[in-house]
Each structure stands twice: as structure tokens, then as C-alpha cells.
Amino acid sequence: MEKPTTRSYKVACLKLTLILLAIWAIVSFGCGILLRNWMDANLPSIGHVPLGFWMAQQGSIICFVLLLIIYAICMRRLDEKHGYSEE
């Protein structure tokens, strides 16, 4: 039988992973594909490039890298909170 802290750790880890995956899907699929034409027409440009095109080419990649950094920081805090830190 698992300790309550192990179960709560797994639940928190899964919740964090699903939230970050949902953000990644919304940004990459939503902004890069579904909303690209609307963003091009209604939102300001970045430099000389429409925002929808920029999100499809660069913005989704930058968002993915930021999500990786956020995941690493949050998992370190979660590990320390539940006693799974490496120190």
C-alpha cells in the first residue's frame, strides 16, 4: 500500500504535466494553425511579420522552451515538498 504522500506526489505531478501539455497544445495547434488567419488580421505585427505567422514559426517553439523551464522549476519544488529531492 502506498503512503499518502506518494499518492499526492503522483497526482500533483500528473496535474502539472497535463496543464503544461494543454498549454502547449493550445499555443502550437491553436495559435499556429486554427487562429493564425484571425491573428494575422486582428492583432498587431511583430516587426514586419503578422503575429499569426510568427506564432506558427517562432512563438510556439519559444513557448515550448519556456514550458520546459517551468516544468523543471515546478518539479524541483514538488520533489522538495514531498521529500524526493536529490540533496
N, C-alpha and C. Protein backbone atom coordinates (compact mmCIF):
# COMPACT_ATOMS: atom_id res chain seq x y z
N MET A 1 0.83 -1.18 0.00
CA MET A 1 0.00 0.00 0.00
C MET A 1 0.88 1.25 0.00
N GLU A 2 0.49 2.24 -0.80
CA GLU A 2 1.27 3.45 -0.94
C GLU A 2 1.01 4.41 0.20
N LYS A 3 2.03 5.16 0.54
CA LYS A 3 1.86 6.21 1.54
C LYS A 3 1.03 7.34 0.92
N PRO A 4 0.30 8.10 1.74
CA PRO A 4 -0.49 9.22 1.20
C PRO A 4 0.37 10.26 0.47
N THR A 5 1.61 10.46 0.96
CA THR A 5 2.46 11.45 0.30
C THR A 5 2.86 10.99 -1.11
N THR A 6 3.04 9.68 -1.29
CA THR A 6 3.38 9.17 -2.62
C THR A 6 2.23 9.38 -3.59
N ARG A 7 1.02 9.12 -3.14
CA ARG A 7 -0.16 9.32 -3.99
C ARG A 7 -0.35 10.79 -4.30
N SER A 8 -0.20 11.65 -3.32
CA SER A 8 -0.38 13.08 -3.59
C SER A 8 0.72 13.61 -4.51
N TYR A 9 1.92 13.04 -4.41
CA TYR A 9 3.01 13.42 -5.30
C TYR A 9 2.68 13.03 -6.75
N LYS A 10 2.18 11.83 -6.93
CA LYS A 10 1.83 11.37 -8.27
C LYS A 10 0.70 12.20 -8.87
N VAL A 11 -0.29 12.54 -8.05
CA VAL A 11 -1.41 13.35 -8.52
C VAL A 11 -0.93 14.75 -8.91
N ALA A 12 -0.08 15.35 -8.07
CA ALA A 12 0.43 16.68 -8.37
C ALA A 12 1.30 16.67 -9.62
N CYS A 13 2.10 15.65 -9.78
CA CYS A 13 2.96 15.52 -10.96
C CYS A 13 2.12 15.36 -12.23
N LEU A 14 1.10 14.54 -12.18
CA LEU A 14 0.23 14.34 -13.32
C LEU A 14 -0.54 15.62 -13.66
N LYS A 15 -1.01 16.30 -12.64
CA LYS A 15 -1.75 17.55 -12.84
C LYS A 15 -0.86 18.60 -13.52
N LEU A 16 0.36 18.75 -13.05
CA LEU A 16 1.30 19.69 -13.64
C LEU A 16 1.58 19.33 -15.09
N THR A 17 1.82 18.06 -15.36
CA THR A 17 2.12 17.61 -16.71
C THR A 17 0.95 17.87 -17.65
N LEU A 18 -0.27 17.57 -17.22
CA LEU A 18 -1.43 17.77 -18.07
C LEU A 18 -1.70 19.24 -18.34
N ILE A 19 -1.50 20.09 -17.34
CA ILE A 19 -1.70 21.52 -17.54
C ILE A 19 -0.70 22.07 -18.55
N LEU A 20 0.56 21.70 -18.41
CA LEU A 20 1.58 22.20 -19.34
C LEU A 20 1.38 21.64 -20.75
N LEU A 21 0.96 20.39 -20.86
CA LEU A 21 0.66 19.83 -22.18
C LEU A 21 -0.53 20.53 -22.83
N ALA A 22 -1.53 20.89 -22.04
CA ALA A 22 -2.69 21.61 -22.58
C ALA A 22 -2.27 23.00 -23.08
N ILE A 23 -1.43 23.68 -22.33
CA ILE A 23 -0.94 24.99 -22.78
C ILE A 23 -0.17 24.84 -24.07
N TRP A 24 0.70 23.84 -24.13
CA TRP A 24 1.49 23.60 -25.33
C TRP A 24 0.60 23.31 -26.54
N ALA A 25 -0.44 22.51 -26.36
CA ALA A 25 -1.35 22.18 -27.45
C ALA A 25 -2.12 23.40 -27.92
N ILE A 26 -2.57 24.21 -26.98
CA ILE A 26 -3.32 25.42 -27.34
C ILE A 26 -2.44 26.38 -28.12
N VAL A 27 -1.22 26.59 -27.65
CA VAL A 27 -0.33 27.53 -28.32
C VAL A 27 0.10 27.00 -29.68
N SER A 28 0.55 25.77 -29.75
CA SER A 28 1.08 25.27 -31.02
C SER A 28 -0.03 24.99 -32.04
N PHE A 29 -1.08 24.32 -31.63
CA PHE A 29 -2.15 23.97 -32.57
C PHE A 29 -3.11 25.13 -32.76
N GLY A 30 -3.51 25.74 -31.64
CA GLY A 30 -4.48 26.82 -31.71
C GLY A 30 -3.95 28.06 -32.40
N CYS A 31 -2.86 28.62 -31.85
CA CYS A 31 -2.30 29.85 -32.41
C CYS A 31 -1.59 29.61 -33.73
N GLY A 32 -0.94 28.49 -33.87
CA GLY A 32 -0.17 28.23 -35.07
C GLY A 32 -1.00 27.79 -36.26
N ILE A 33 -2.16 27.16 -36.02
CA ILE A 33 -2.94 26.61 -37.13
C ILE A 33 -4.36 27.19 -37.16
N LEU A 34 -5.12 26.97 -36.09
CA LEU A 34 -6.53 27.34 -36.10
C LEU A 34 -6.79 28.84 -36.10
N LEU A 35 -6.05 29.58 -35.29
CA LEU A 35 -6.30 31.01 -35.15
C LEU A 35 -5.33 31.88 -35.94
N ARG A 36 -4.53 31.27 -36.80
CA ARG A 36 -3.48 32.03 -37.49
C ARG A 36 -4.05 33.15 -38.35
N ASN A 37 -5.05 32.87 -39.18
CA ASN A 37 -5.62 33.90 -40.05
C ASN A 37 -6.27 35.01 -39.25
N TRP A 38 -6.98 34.65 -38.18
CA TRP A 38 -7.61 35.67 -37.34
C TRP A 38 -6.56 36.55 -36.67
N MET A 39 -5.48 35.92 -36.17
CA MET A 39 -4.42 36.69 -35.52
C MET A 39 -3.72 37.60 -36.53
N ASP A 40 -3.53 37.13 -37.75
CA ASP A 40 -2.92 37.97 -38.78
C ASP A 40 -3.76 39.21 -39.05
N ALA A 41 -5.07 39.04 -39.07
CA ALA A 41 -5.96 40.15 -39.42
C ALA A 41 -6.24 41.10 -38.26
N ASN A 42 -6.27 40.60 -37.03
CA ASN A 42 -6.77 41.41 -35.92
C ASN A 42 -5.74 41.81 -34.88
N LEU A 43 -4.57 41.24 -34.87
CA LEU A 43 -3.58 41.54 -33.85
C LEU A 43 -2.37 42.22 -34.48
N PRO A 44 -1.65 43.01 -33.69
CA PRO A 44 -0.51 43.75 -34.26
C PRO A 44 0.61 42.81 -34.71
N SER A 45 1.41 43.32 -35.62
CA SER A 45 2.53 42.56 -36.16
C SER A 45 3.73 42.62 -35.22
N ILE A 46 4.62 41.67 -35.36
CA ILE A 46 5.90 41.68 -34.66
C ILE A 46 6.93 42.04 -35.72
N GLY A 47 7.45 43.25 -35.65
CA GLY A 47 8.33 43.73 -36.71
C GLY A 47 7.52 43.91 -37.97
N HIS A 48 7.89 43.24 -39.04
CA HIS A 48 7.15 43.30 -40.30
C HIS A 48 6.41 42.01 -40.59
N VAL A 49 6.28 41.17 -39.56
CA VAL A 49 5.67 39.85 -39.74
C VAL A 49 4.35 39.80 -38.99
N PRO A 50 3.27 39.31 -39.61
CA PRO A 50 1.99 39.16 -38.89
C PRO A 50 2.13 38.22 -37.70
N LEU A 51 1.41 38.49 -36.62
CA LEU A 51 1.55 37.72 -35.38
C LEU A 51 1.19 36.25 -35.56
N GLY A 52 0.19 35.94 -36.34
CA GLY A 52 -0.19 34.54 -36.56
C GLY A 52 0.92 33.74 -37.23
N PHE A 53 1.53 34.34 -38.23
CA PHE A 53 2.66 33.67 -38.90
C PHE A 53 3.83 33.51 -37.94
N TRP A 54 4.11 34.55 -37.14
CA TRP A 54 5.21 34.49 -36.19
C TRP A 54 4.96 33.40 -35.15
N MET A 55 3.72 33.30 -34.65
CA MET A 55 3.41 32.26 -33.66
C MET A 55 3.56 30.87 -34.27
N ALA A 56 3.20 30.72 -35.53
CA ALA A 56 3.34 29.41 -36.17
C ALA A 56 4.80 29.04 -36.37
N GLN A 57 5.66 30.03 -36.63
CA GLN A 57 7.06 29.74 -36.93
C GLN A 57 7.97 29.79 -35.71
N GLN A 58 7.84 30.81 -34.88
CA GLN A 58 8.78 31.00 -33.77
C GLN A 58 8.11 30.96 -32.40
N GLY A 59 6.94 31.52 -32.28
CA GLY A 59 6.27 31.65 -30.99
C GLY A 59 5.99 30.33 -30.30
N SER A 60 5.57 29.33 -31.06
CA SER A 60 5.28 28.03 -30.45
C SER A 60 6.55 27.35 -29.97
N ILE A 61 7.67 27.57 -30.66
CA ILE A 61 8.94 26.99 -30.22
C ILE A 61 9.41 27.67 -28.94
N ILE A 62 9.31 28.99 -28.89
CA ILE A 62 9.69 29.74 -27.69
C ILE A 62 8.82 29.34 -26.52
N CYS A 63 7.52 29.17 -26.77
CA CYS A 63 6.60 28.74 -25.71
C CYS A 63 6.98 27.36 -25.20
N PHE A 64 7.36 26.45 -26.09
CA PHE A 64 7.76 25.11 -25.69
C PHE A 64 8.99 25.14 -24.79
N VAL A 65 9.97 25.94 -25.14
CA VAL A 65 11.18 26.06 -24.31
C VAL A 65 10.84 26.64 -22.94
N LEU A 66 9.98 27.67 -22.92
CA LEU A 66 9.56 28.24 -21.64
C LEU A 66 8.81 27.22 -20.78
N LEU A 67 7.98 26.40 -21.41
CA LEU A 67 7.26 25.36 -20.67
C LEU A 67 8.22 24.32 -20.10
N LEU A 68 9.29 24.01 -20.80
CA LEU A 68 10.30 23.09 -20.27
C LEU A 68 10.97 23.67 -19.03
N ILE A 69 11.28 24.95 -19.06
CA ILE A 69 11.89 25.61 -17.91
C ILE A 69 10.92 25.64 -16.74
N ILE A 70 9.66 25.98 -17.00
CA ILE A 70 8.64 25.99 -15.95
C ILE A 70 8.47 24.60 -15.35
N TYR A 71 8.46 23.57 -16.20
CA TYR A 71 8.32 22.20 -15.72
C TYR A 71 9.48 21.83 -14.79
N ALA A 72 10.70 22.17 -15.18
CA ALA A 72 11.86 21.84 -14.35
C ALA A 72 11.79 22.53 -13.00
N ILE A 73 11.42 23.80 -12.98
CA ILE A 73 11.32 24.55 -11.72
C ILE A 73 10.22 23.98 -10.84
N CYS A 74 9.05 23.74 -11.43
CA CYS A 74 7.92 23.22 -10.64
C CYS A 74 8.19 21.81 -10.12
N MET A 75 8.82 20.98 -10.92
CA MET A 75 9.11 19.62 -10.46
C MET A 75 10.16 19.62 -9.36
N ARG A 76 11.13 20.52 -9.42
CA ARG A 76 12.11 20.61 -8.34
C ARG A 76 11.41 20.99 -7.02
N ARG A 77 10.51 21.96 -7.10
CA ARG A 77 9.76 22.36 -5.90
C ARG A 77 8.88 21.22 -5.40
N LEU A 78 8.25 20.52 -6.32
CA LEU A 78 7.38 19.40 -5.94
C LEU A 78 8.19 18.27 -5.31
N ASP A 79 9.36 17.99 -5.88
CA ASP A 79 10.24 16.96 -5.30
C ASP A 79 10.67 17.33 -3.88
N GLU A 80 11.05 18.58 -3.68
CA GLU A 80 11.47 19.02 -2.35
C GLU A 80 10.31 18.97 -1.36
N LYS A 81 9.14 19.33 -1.81
CA LYS A 81 7.96 19.34 -0.94
C LYS A 81 7.62 17.93 -0.46
N HIS A 82 7.79 16.93 -1.31
CA HIS A 82 7.40 15.56 -0.97
C HIS A 82 8.60 14.70 -0.55
N GLY A 83 9.77 15.29 -0.41
CA GLY A 83 10.90 14.56 0.08
C GLY A 83 11.62 13.71 -0.94
N TYR A 84 11.53 14.04 -2.19
CA TYR A 84 12.20 13.28 -3.23
C TYR A 84 13.38 14.04 -3.85
N SER A 85 13.86 15.07 -3.17
CA SER A 85 14.96 15.86 -3.72
C SER A 85 16.25 15.04 -3.70
N GLU A 86 17.18 15.43 -4.54
CA GLU A 86 18.43 14.68 -4.67
C GLU A 86 19.44 15.05 -3.59
N GLU A 87 19.22 16.11 -2.85
CA GLU A 87 20.18 16.53 -1.84
C GLU A 87 20.03 15.81 -0.54
